[in-house]
Amino acid sequence: MKSDVQELKQRLNMLNCDEKLTDQIIAFLLNGDSRSSRLLLRRHRKQLMDELHICEKRVDELDFLVYQLDKQKL
């Protein structure tokens, strides 16, 4: 069980979960409350997706800027 918890901590860390969120998820799981753990993971997923969309918009803007500079041959 201890190695399972350690592995889960590592996976959550890789997913950019902070220590507080990681501890909450593990506590819920250890208490048999997988529903609450799933809720926290879904919220974190939404946050990551929001960040991804912001980065995508930045990349699109950067691509457009490069395109415009190439068009001007600068």
PDB file of N, CA and C in Angstrom:
ATOM      1  N   MET A   1       0.829  -1.204   0.000  1.00  0.00           N
ATOM      2  CA  MET A   1       0.000   0.000   0.000  1.00  0.00           C
ATOM      3  C   MET A   1       0.872   1.266   0.000  1.00  0.00           C
ATOM      4  N   LYS A   2       1.949   1.236   0.808  1.00  0.00           N
ATOM      5  CA  LYS A   2       2.818   2.408   0.895  1.00  0.00           C
ATOM      6  C   LYS A   2       3.442   2.731  -0.461  1.00  0.00           C
ATOM      7  N   SER A   3       3.869   1.700  -1.187  1.00  0.00           N
ATOM      8  CA  SER A   3       4.461   1.952  -2.501  1.00  0.00           C
ATOM      9  C   SER A   3       3.420   2.470  -3.483  1.00  0.00           C
ATOM     10  N   ASP A   4       2.154   2.022  -3.321  1.00  0.00           N
ATOM     11  CA  ASP A   4       1.080   2.537  -4.170  1.00  0.00           C
ATOM     12  C   ASP A   4       0.867   4.025  -3.929  1.00  0.00           C
ATOM     13  N   VAL A   5       0.899   4.431  -2.668  1.00  0.00           N
ATOM     14  CA  VAL A   5       0.723   5.844  -2.324  1.00  0.00           C
ATOM     15  C   VAL A   5       1.895   6.656  -2.863  1.00  0.00           C
ATOM     16  N   GLN A   6       3.094   6.131  -2.730  1.00  0.00           N
ATOM     17  CA  GLN A   6       4.279   6.832  -3.231  1.00  0.00           C
ATOM     18  C   GLN A   6       4.214   6.982  -4.747  1.00  0.00           C
ATOM     19  N   GLU A   7       3.786   5.928  -5.427  1.00  0.00           N
ATOM     20  CA  GLU A   7       3.649   5.991  -6.883  1.00  0.00           C
ATOM     21  C   GLU A   7       2.589   7.015  -7.281  1.00  0.00           C
ATOM     22  N   LEU A   8       1.486   7.033  -6.556  1.00  0.00           N
ATOM     23  CA  LEU A   8       0.430   8.002  -6.838  1.00  0.00           C
ATOM     24  C   LEU A   8       0.938   9.427  -6.618  1.00  0.00           C
ATOM     25  N   LYS A   9       1.689   9.638  -5.555  1.00  0.00           N
ATOM     26  CA  LYS A   9       2.265  10.966  -5.302  1.00  0.00           C
ATOM     27  C   LYS A   9       3.153  11.401  -6.461  1.00  0.00           C
ATOM     28  N   GLN A  10       3.962  10.486  -6.961  1.00  0.00           N
ATOM     29  CA  GLN A  10       4.845  10.809  -8.077  1.00  0.00           C
ATOM     30  C   GLN A  10       4.040  11.146  -9.326  1.00  0.00           C
ATOM     31  N   ARG A  11       2.991  10.382  -9.575  1.00  0.00           N
ATOM     32  CA  ARG A  11       2.163  10.645 -10.756  1.00  0.00           C
ATOM     33  C   ARG A  11       1.461  11.993 -10.638  1.00  0.00           C
ATOM     34  N   LEU A  12       0.945  12.299  -9.452  1.00  0.00           N
ATOM     35  CA  LEU A  12       0.267  13.579  -9.253  1.00  0.00           C
ATOM     36  C   LEU A  12       1.253  14.732  -9.367  1.00  0.00           C
ATOM     37  N   ASN A  13       2.462  14.536  -8.879  1.00  0.00           N
ATOM     38  CA  ASN A  13       3.501  15.557  -9.011  1.00  0.00           C
ATOM     39  C   ASN A  13       3.815  15.794 -10.482  1.00  0.00           C
ATOM     40  N   MET A  14       3.903  14.719 -11.258  1.00  0.00           N
ATOM     41  CA  MET A  14       4.165  14.831 -12.691  1.00  0.00           C
ATOM     42  C   MET A  14       3.031  15.596 -13.386  1.00  0.00           C
ATOM     43  N   LEU A  15       1.832  15.505 -12.835  1.00  0.00           N
ATOM     44  CA  LEU A  15       0.671  16.190 -13.401  1.00  0.00           C
ATOM     45  C   LEU A  15       0.532  17.614 -12.878  1.00  0.00           C
ATOM     46  N   ASN A  16       1.576  18.085 -12.188  1.00  0.00           N
ATOM     47  CA  ASN A  16       1.630  19.455 -11.684  1.00  0.00           C
ATOM     48  C   ASN A  16       0.627  19.721 -10.564  1.00  0.00           C
ATOM     49  N   CYS A  17       0.270  18.682  -9.825  1.00  0.00           N
ATOM     50  CA  CYS A  17      -0.573  18.869  -8.638  1.00  0.00           C
ATOM     51  C   CYS A  17       0.328  19.359  -7.503  1.00  0.00           C
ATOM     52  N   ASP A  18      -0.123  20.388  -6.808  1.00  0.00           N
ATOM     53  CA  ASP A  18       0.683  20.852  -5.689  1.00  0.00           C
ATOM     54  C   ASP A  18       0.519  19.892  -4.500  1.00  0.00           C
ATOM     55  N   GLU A  19       1.310  20.116  -3.460  1.00  0.00           N
ATOM     56  CA  GLU A  19       1.330  19.203  -2.314  1.00  0.00           C
ATOM     57  C   GLU A  19      -0.022  19.128  -1.626  1.00  0.00           C
ATOM     58  N   LYS A  20      -0.697  20.258  -1.503  1.00  0.00           N
ATOM     59  CA  LYS A  20      -1.998  20.281  -0.842  1.00  0.00           C
ATOM     60  C   LYS A  20      -3.020  19.432  -1.609  1.00  0.00           C
ATOM     61  N   LEU A  21      -3.083  19.622  -2.921  1.00  0.00           N
ATOM     62  CA  LEU A  21      -4.017  18.856  -3.734  1.00  0.00           C
ATOM     63  C   LEU A  21      -3.674  17.370  -3.682  1.00  0.00           C
ATOM     64  N   THR A  22      -2.404  17.054  -3.790  1.00  0.00           N
ATOM     65  CA  THR A  22      -1.958  15.660  -3.713  1.00  0.00           C
ATOM     66  C   THR A  22      -2.388  15.028  -2.398  1.00  0.00           C
ATOM     67  N   ASP A  23      -2.153  15.731  -1.304  1.00  0.00           N
ATOM     68  CA  ASP A  23      -2.526  15.203   0.009  1.00  0.00           C
ATOM     69  C   ASP A  23      -4.037  15.007   0.126  1.00  0.00           C
ATOM     70  N   GLN A  24      -4.804  15.944  -0.424  1.00  0.00           N
ATOM     71  CA  GLN A  24      -6.262  15.819  -0.374  1.00  0.00           C
ATOM     72  C   GLN A  24      -6.736  14.597  -1.151  1.00  0.00           C
ATOM     73  N   ILE A  25      -6.209  14.420  -2.350  1.00  0.00           N
ATOM     74  CA  ILE A  25      -6.609  13.295  -3.189  1.00  0.00           C
ATOM     75  C   ILE A  25      -6.277  11.978  -2.494  1.00  0.00           C
ATOM     76  N   ILE A  26      -5.081  11.875  -1.969  1.00  0.00           N
ATOM     77  CA  ILE A  26      -4.664  10.641  -1.308  1.00  0.00           C
ATOM     78  C   ILE A  26      -5.495  10.391  -0.058  1.00  0.00           C
ATOM     79  N   ALA A  27      -5.770  11.437   0.709  1.00  0.00           N
ATOM     80  CA  ALA A  27      -6.586  11.269   1.919  1.00  0.00           C
ATOM     81  C   ALA A  27      -7.980  10.750   1.566  1.00  0.00           C
ATOM     82  N   PHE A  28      -8.586  11.329   0.524  1.00  0.00           N
ATOM     83  CA  PHE A  28      -9.894  10.847   0.097  1.00  0.00           C
ATOM     84  C   PHE A  28      -9.831   9.376  -0.306  1.00  0.00           C
ATOM     85  N   LEU A  29      -8.813   9.026  -1.078  1.00  0.00           N
ATOM     86  CA  LEU A  29      -8.688   7.638  -1.532  1.00  0.00           C
ATOM     87  C   LEU A  29      -8.485   6.678  -0.362  1.00  0.00           C
ATOM     88  N   LEU A  30      -7.636   7.067   0.585  1.00  0.00           N
ATOM     89  CA  LEU A  30      -7.384   6.209   1.744  1.00  0.00           C
ATOM     90  C   LEU A  30      -8.632   6.037   2.608  1.00  0.00           C
ATOM     91  N   ASN A  31      -9.531   7.022   2.553  1.00  0.00           N
ATOM     92  CA  ASN A  31     -10.787   6.937   3.308  1.00  0.00           C
ATOM     93  C   ASN A  31     -11.916   6.326   2.487  1.00  0.00           C
ATOM     94  N   GLY A  32     -11.572   5.820   1.296  1.00  0.00           N
ATOM     95  CA  GLY A  32     -12.564   5.165   0.458  1.00  0.00           C
ATOM     96  C   GLY A  32     -13.486   6.107  -0.294  1.00  0.00           C
ATOM     97  N   ASP A  33     -13.107   7.374  -0.375  1.00  0.00           N
ATOM     98  CA  ASP A  33     -13.942   8.376  -1.036  1.00  0.00           C
ATOM     99  C   ASP A  33     -13.378   8.690  -2.423  1.00  0.00           C
ATOM    100  N   SER A  34     -13.532   7.742  -3.327  1.00  0.00           N
ATOM    101  CA  SER A  34     -12.999   7.945  -4.668  1.00  0.00           C
ATOM    102  C   SER A  34     -13.778   9.013  -5.434  1.00  0.00           C
ATOM    103  N   ARG A  35     -15.029   9.212  -5.056  1.00  0.00           N
ATOM    104  CA  ARG A  35     -15.842  10.252  -5.724  1.00  0.00           C
ATOM    105  C   ARG A  35     -15.220  11.629  -5.547  1.00  0.00           C
ATOM    106  N   SER A  36     -14.828  11.944  -4.312  1.00  0.00           N
ATOM    107  CA  SER A  36     -14.209  13.249  -4.051  1.00  0.00           C
ATOM    108  C   SER A  36     -12.851  13.360  -4.735  1.00  0.00           C
ATOM    109  N   SER A  37     -12.121  12.262  -4.778  1.00  0.00           N
ATOM    110  CA  SER A  37     -10.831  12.271  -5.490  1.00  0.00           C
ATOM    111  C   SER A  37     -11.040  12.559  -6.962  1.00  0.00           C
ATOM    112  N   ARG A  38     -12.026  11.914  -7.565  1.00  0.00           N
ATOM    113  CA  ARG A  38     -12.319  12.159  -8.980  1.00  0.00           C
ATOM    114  C   ARG A  38     -12.720  13.606  -9.213  1.00  0.00           C
ATOM    115  N   LEU A  39     -13.499  14.166  -8.302  1.00  0.00           N
ATOM    116  CA  LEU A  39     -13.916  15.562  -8.434  1.00  0.00           C
ATOM    117  C   LEU A  39     -12.695  16.484  -8.442  1.00  0.00           C
ATOM    118  N   LEU A  40     -11.776  16.256  -7.508  1.00  0.00           N
ATOM    119  CA  LEU A  40     -10.561  17.081  -7.461  1.00  0.00           C
ATOM    120  C   LEU A  40      -9.727  16.907  -8.725  1.00  0.00           C
ATOM    121  N   LEU A  41      -9.622  15.677  -9.211  1.00  0.00           N
ATOM    122  CA  LEU A  41      -8.857  15.437 -10.438  1.00  0.00           C
ATOM    123  C   LEU A  41      -9.516  16.098 -11.641  1.00  0.00           C
ATOM    124  N   ARG A  42     -10.833  16.077 -11.697  1.00  0.00           N
ATOM    125  CA  ARG A  42     -11.534  16.741 -12.806  1.00  0.00           C
ATOM    126  C   ARG A  42     -11.329  18.249 -12.757  1.00  0.00           C
ATOM    127  N   ARG A  43     -11.347  18.819 -11.558  1.00  0.00           N
ATOM    128  CA  ARG A  43     -11.094  20.258 -11.427  1.00  0.00           C
ATOM    129  C   ARG A  43      -9.676  20.597 -11.890  1.00  0.00           C
ATOM    130  N   HIS A  44      -8.733  19.746 -11.498  1.00  0.00           N
ATOM    131  CA  HIS A  44      -7.345  19.993 -11.904  1.00  0.00           C
ATOM    132  C   HIS A  44      -7.221  19.862 -13.418  1.00  0.00           C
ATOM    133  N   ARG A  45      -7.900  18.890 -14.005  1.00  0.00           N
ATOM    134  CA  ARG A  45      -7.880  18.724 -15.457  1.00  0.00           C
ATOM    135  C   ARG A  45      -8.406  19.973 -16.144  1.00  0.00           C
ATOM    136  N   LYS A  46      -9.512  20.510 -15.630  1.00  0.00           N
ATOM    137  CA  LYS A  46     -10.082  21.725 -16.211  1.00  0.00           C
ATOM    138  C   LYS A  46      -9.081  22.870 -16.142  1.00  0.00           C
ATOM    139  N   GLN A  47      -8.403  22.989 -15.012  1.00  0.00           N
ATOM    140  CA  GLN A  47      -7.400  24.042 -14.857  1.00  0.00           C
ATOM    141  C   GLN A  47      -6.273  23.866 -15.881  1.00  0.00           C
ATOM    142  N   LEU A  48      -5.803  22.633 -16.045  1.00  0.00           N
ATOM    143  CA  LEU A  48      -4.750  22.376 -17.024  1.00  0.00           C
ATOM    144  C   LEU A  48      -5.221  22.673 -18.440  1.00  0.00           C
ATOM    145  N   MET A  49      -6.459  22.322 -18.750  1.00  0.00           N
ATOM    146  CA  MET A  49      -6.995  22.596 -20.086  1.00  0.00           C
ATOM    147  C   MET A  49      -7.120  24.097 -20.318  1.00  0.00           C
ATOM    148  N   ASP A  50      -7.540  24.833 -19.303  1.00  0.00           N
ATOM    149  CA  ASP A  50      -7.610  26.294 -19.429  1.00  0.00           C
ATOM    150  C   ASP A  50      -6.228  26.877 -19.715  1.00  0.00           C
ATOM    151  N   GLU A  51      -5.216  26.379 -19.000  1.00  0.00           N
ATOM    152  CA  GLU A  51      -3.849  26.836 -19.228  1.00  0.00           C
ATOM    153  C   GLU A  51      -3.384  26.469 -20.638  1.00  0.00           C
ATOM    154  N   LEU A  52      -3.746  25.274 -21.084  1.00  0.00           N
ATOM    155  CA  LEU A  52      -3.382  24.840 -22.432  1.00  0.00           C
ATOM    156  C   LEU A  52      -3.978  25.769 -23.479  1.00  0.00           C
ATOM    157  N   HIS A  53      -5.231  26.124 -23.319  1.00  0.00           N
ATOM    158  CA  HIS A  53      -5.887  27.002 -24.295  1.00  0.00           C
ATOM    159  C   HIS A  53      -5.246  28.388 -24.321  1.00  0.00           C
ATOM    160  N   ILE A  54      -4.843  28.861 -23.165  1.00  0.00           N
ATOM    161  CA  ILE A  54      -4.146  30.147 -23.114  1.00  0.00           C
ATOM    162  C   ILE A  54      -2.824  30.050 -23.866  1.00  0.00           C
ATOM    163  N   CYS A  55      -2.096  28.969 -23.655  1.00  0.00           N
ATOM    164  CA  CYS A  55      -0.823  28.775 -24.369  1.00  0.00           C
ATOM    165  C   CYS A  55      -1.038  28.626 -25.867  1.00  0.00           C
ATOM    166  N   GLU A  56      -2.094  27.927 -26.255  1.00  0.00           N
ATOM    167  CA  GLU A  56      -2.395  27.780 -27.687  1.00  0.00           C
ATOM    168  C   GLU A  56      -2.651  29.140 -28.332  1.00  0.00           C
ATOM    169  N   LYS A  57      -3.381  29.993 -27.637  1.00  0.00           N
ATOM    170  CA  LYS A  57      -3.649  31.331 -28.170  1.00  0.00           C
ATOM    171  C   LYS A  57      -2.353  32.122 -28.315  1.00  0.00           C
ATOM    172  N   ARG A  58      -1.455  31.973 -27.352  1.00  0.00           N
ATOM    173  CA  ARG A  58      -0.172  32.669 -27.427  1.00  0.00           C
ATOM    174  C   ARG A  58       0.652  32.167 -28.611  1.00  0.00           C
ATOM    175  N   VAL A  59       0.648  30.856 -28.816  1.00  0.00           N
ATOM    176  CA  VAL A  59       1.384  30.287 -29.945  1.00  0.00           C
ATOM    177  C   VAL A  59       0.781  30.765 -31.253  1.00  0.00           C
ATOM    178  N   ASP A  60      -0.537  30.802 -31.345  1.00  0.00           N
ATOM    179  CA  ASP A  60      -1.189  31.307 -32.554  1.00  0.00           C
ATOM    180  C   ASP A  60      -0.795  32.758 -32.819  1.00  0.00           C
ATOM    181  N   GLU A  61      -0.767  33.545 -31.789  1.00  0.00           N
ATOM    182  CA  GLU A  61      -0.388  34.952 -31.941  1.00  0.00           C
ATOM    183  C   GLU A  61       1.075  35.067 -32.369  1.00  0.00           C
ATOM    184  N   LEU A  62       1.913  34.259 -31.784  1.00  0.00           N
ATOM    185  CA  LEU A  62       3.323  34.248 -32.156  1.00  0.00           C
ATOM    186  C   LEU A  62       3.491  33.831 -33.615  1.00  0.00           C
ATOM    187  N   ASP A  63       2.776  32.797 -34.029  1.00  0.00           N
ATOM    188  CA  ASP A  63       2.833  32.361 -35.435  1.00  0.00           C
ATOM    189  C   ASP A  63       2.395  33.476 -36.373  1.00  0.00           C
ATOM    190  N   PHE A  64       1.355  34.193 -35.984  1.00  0.00           N
ATOM    191  CA  PHE A  64       0.870  35.286 -36.816  1.00  0.00           C
ATOM    192  C   PHE A  64       1.909  36.394 -36.921  1.00  0.00           C
ATOM    193  N   LEU A  65       2.549  36.699 -35.794  1.00  0.00           N
ATOM    194  CA  LEU A  65       3.589  37.718 -35.793  1.00  0.00           C
ATOM    195  C   LEU A  65       4.748  37.320 -36.708  1.00  0.00           C
ATOM    196  N   VAL A  66       5.177  36.084 -36.618  1.00  0.00           N
ATOM    197  CA  VAL A  66       6.245  35.589 -37.490  1.00  0.00           C
ATOM    198  C   VAL A  66       5.814  35.655 -38.945  1.00  0.00           C
ATOM    199  N   TYR A  67       4.578  35.254 -39.202  1.00  0.00           N
ATOM    200  CA  TYR A  67       4.052  35.319 -40.569  1.00  0.00           C
ATOM    201  C   TYR A  67       4.103  36.743 -41.105  1.00  0.00           C
ATOM    202  N   GLN A  68       3.678  37.696 -40.275  1.00  0.00           N
ATOM    203  CA  GLN A  68       3.693  39.086 -40.718  1.00  0.00           C
ATOM    204  C   GLN A  68       5.109  39.588 -40.950  1.00  0.00           C
ATOM    205  N   LEU A  69       6.027  39.200 -40.097  1.00  0.00           N
ATOM    206  CA  LEU A  69       7.423  39.608 -40.297  1.00  0.00           C
ATOM    207  C   LEU A  69       8.011  38.977 -41.552  1.00  0.00           C
ATOM    208  N   ASP A  70       7.677  37.713 -41.784  1.00  0.00           N
ATOM    209  CA  ASP A  70       8.162  37.054 -43.011  1.00  0.00           C
ATOM    210  C   ASP A  70       7.584  37.727 -44.243  1.00  0.00           C
ATOM    211  N   LYS A  71       6.355  38.116 -44.158  1.00  0.00           N
ATOM    212  CA  LYS A  71       5.678  38.768 -45.280  1.00  0.00           C
ATOM    213  C   LYS A  71       6.351  40.094 -45.611  1.00  0.00           C
ATOM    214  N   GLN A  72       6.843  40.772 -44.589  1.00  0.00           N
ATOM    215  CA  GLN A  72       7.522  42.060 -44.795  1.00  0.00           C
ATOM    216  C   GLN A  72       9.004  41.867 -45.154  1.00  0.00           C
ATOM    217  N   LYS A  73       9.453  40.630 -45.064  1.00  0.00           N
ATOM    218  CA  LYS A  73      10.846  40.298 -45.376  1.00  0.00           C
ATOM    219  C   LYS A  73      11.839  41.029 -44.483  1.00  0.00           C
ATOM    220  N   LEU A  74      11.470  41.139 -43.209  1.00  0.00           N
ATOM    221  CA  LEU A  74      12.365  41.827 -42.264  1.00  0.00           C
ATOM    222  C   LEU A  74      13.333  40.860 -41.625  1.00  0.00           C
TER     223      LEU A  74
END
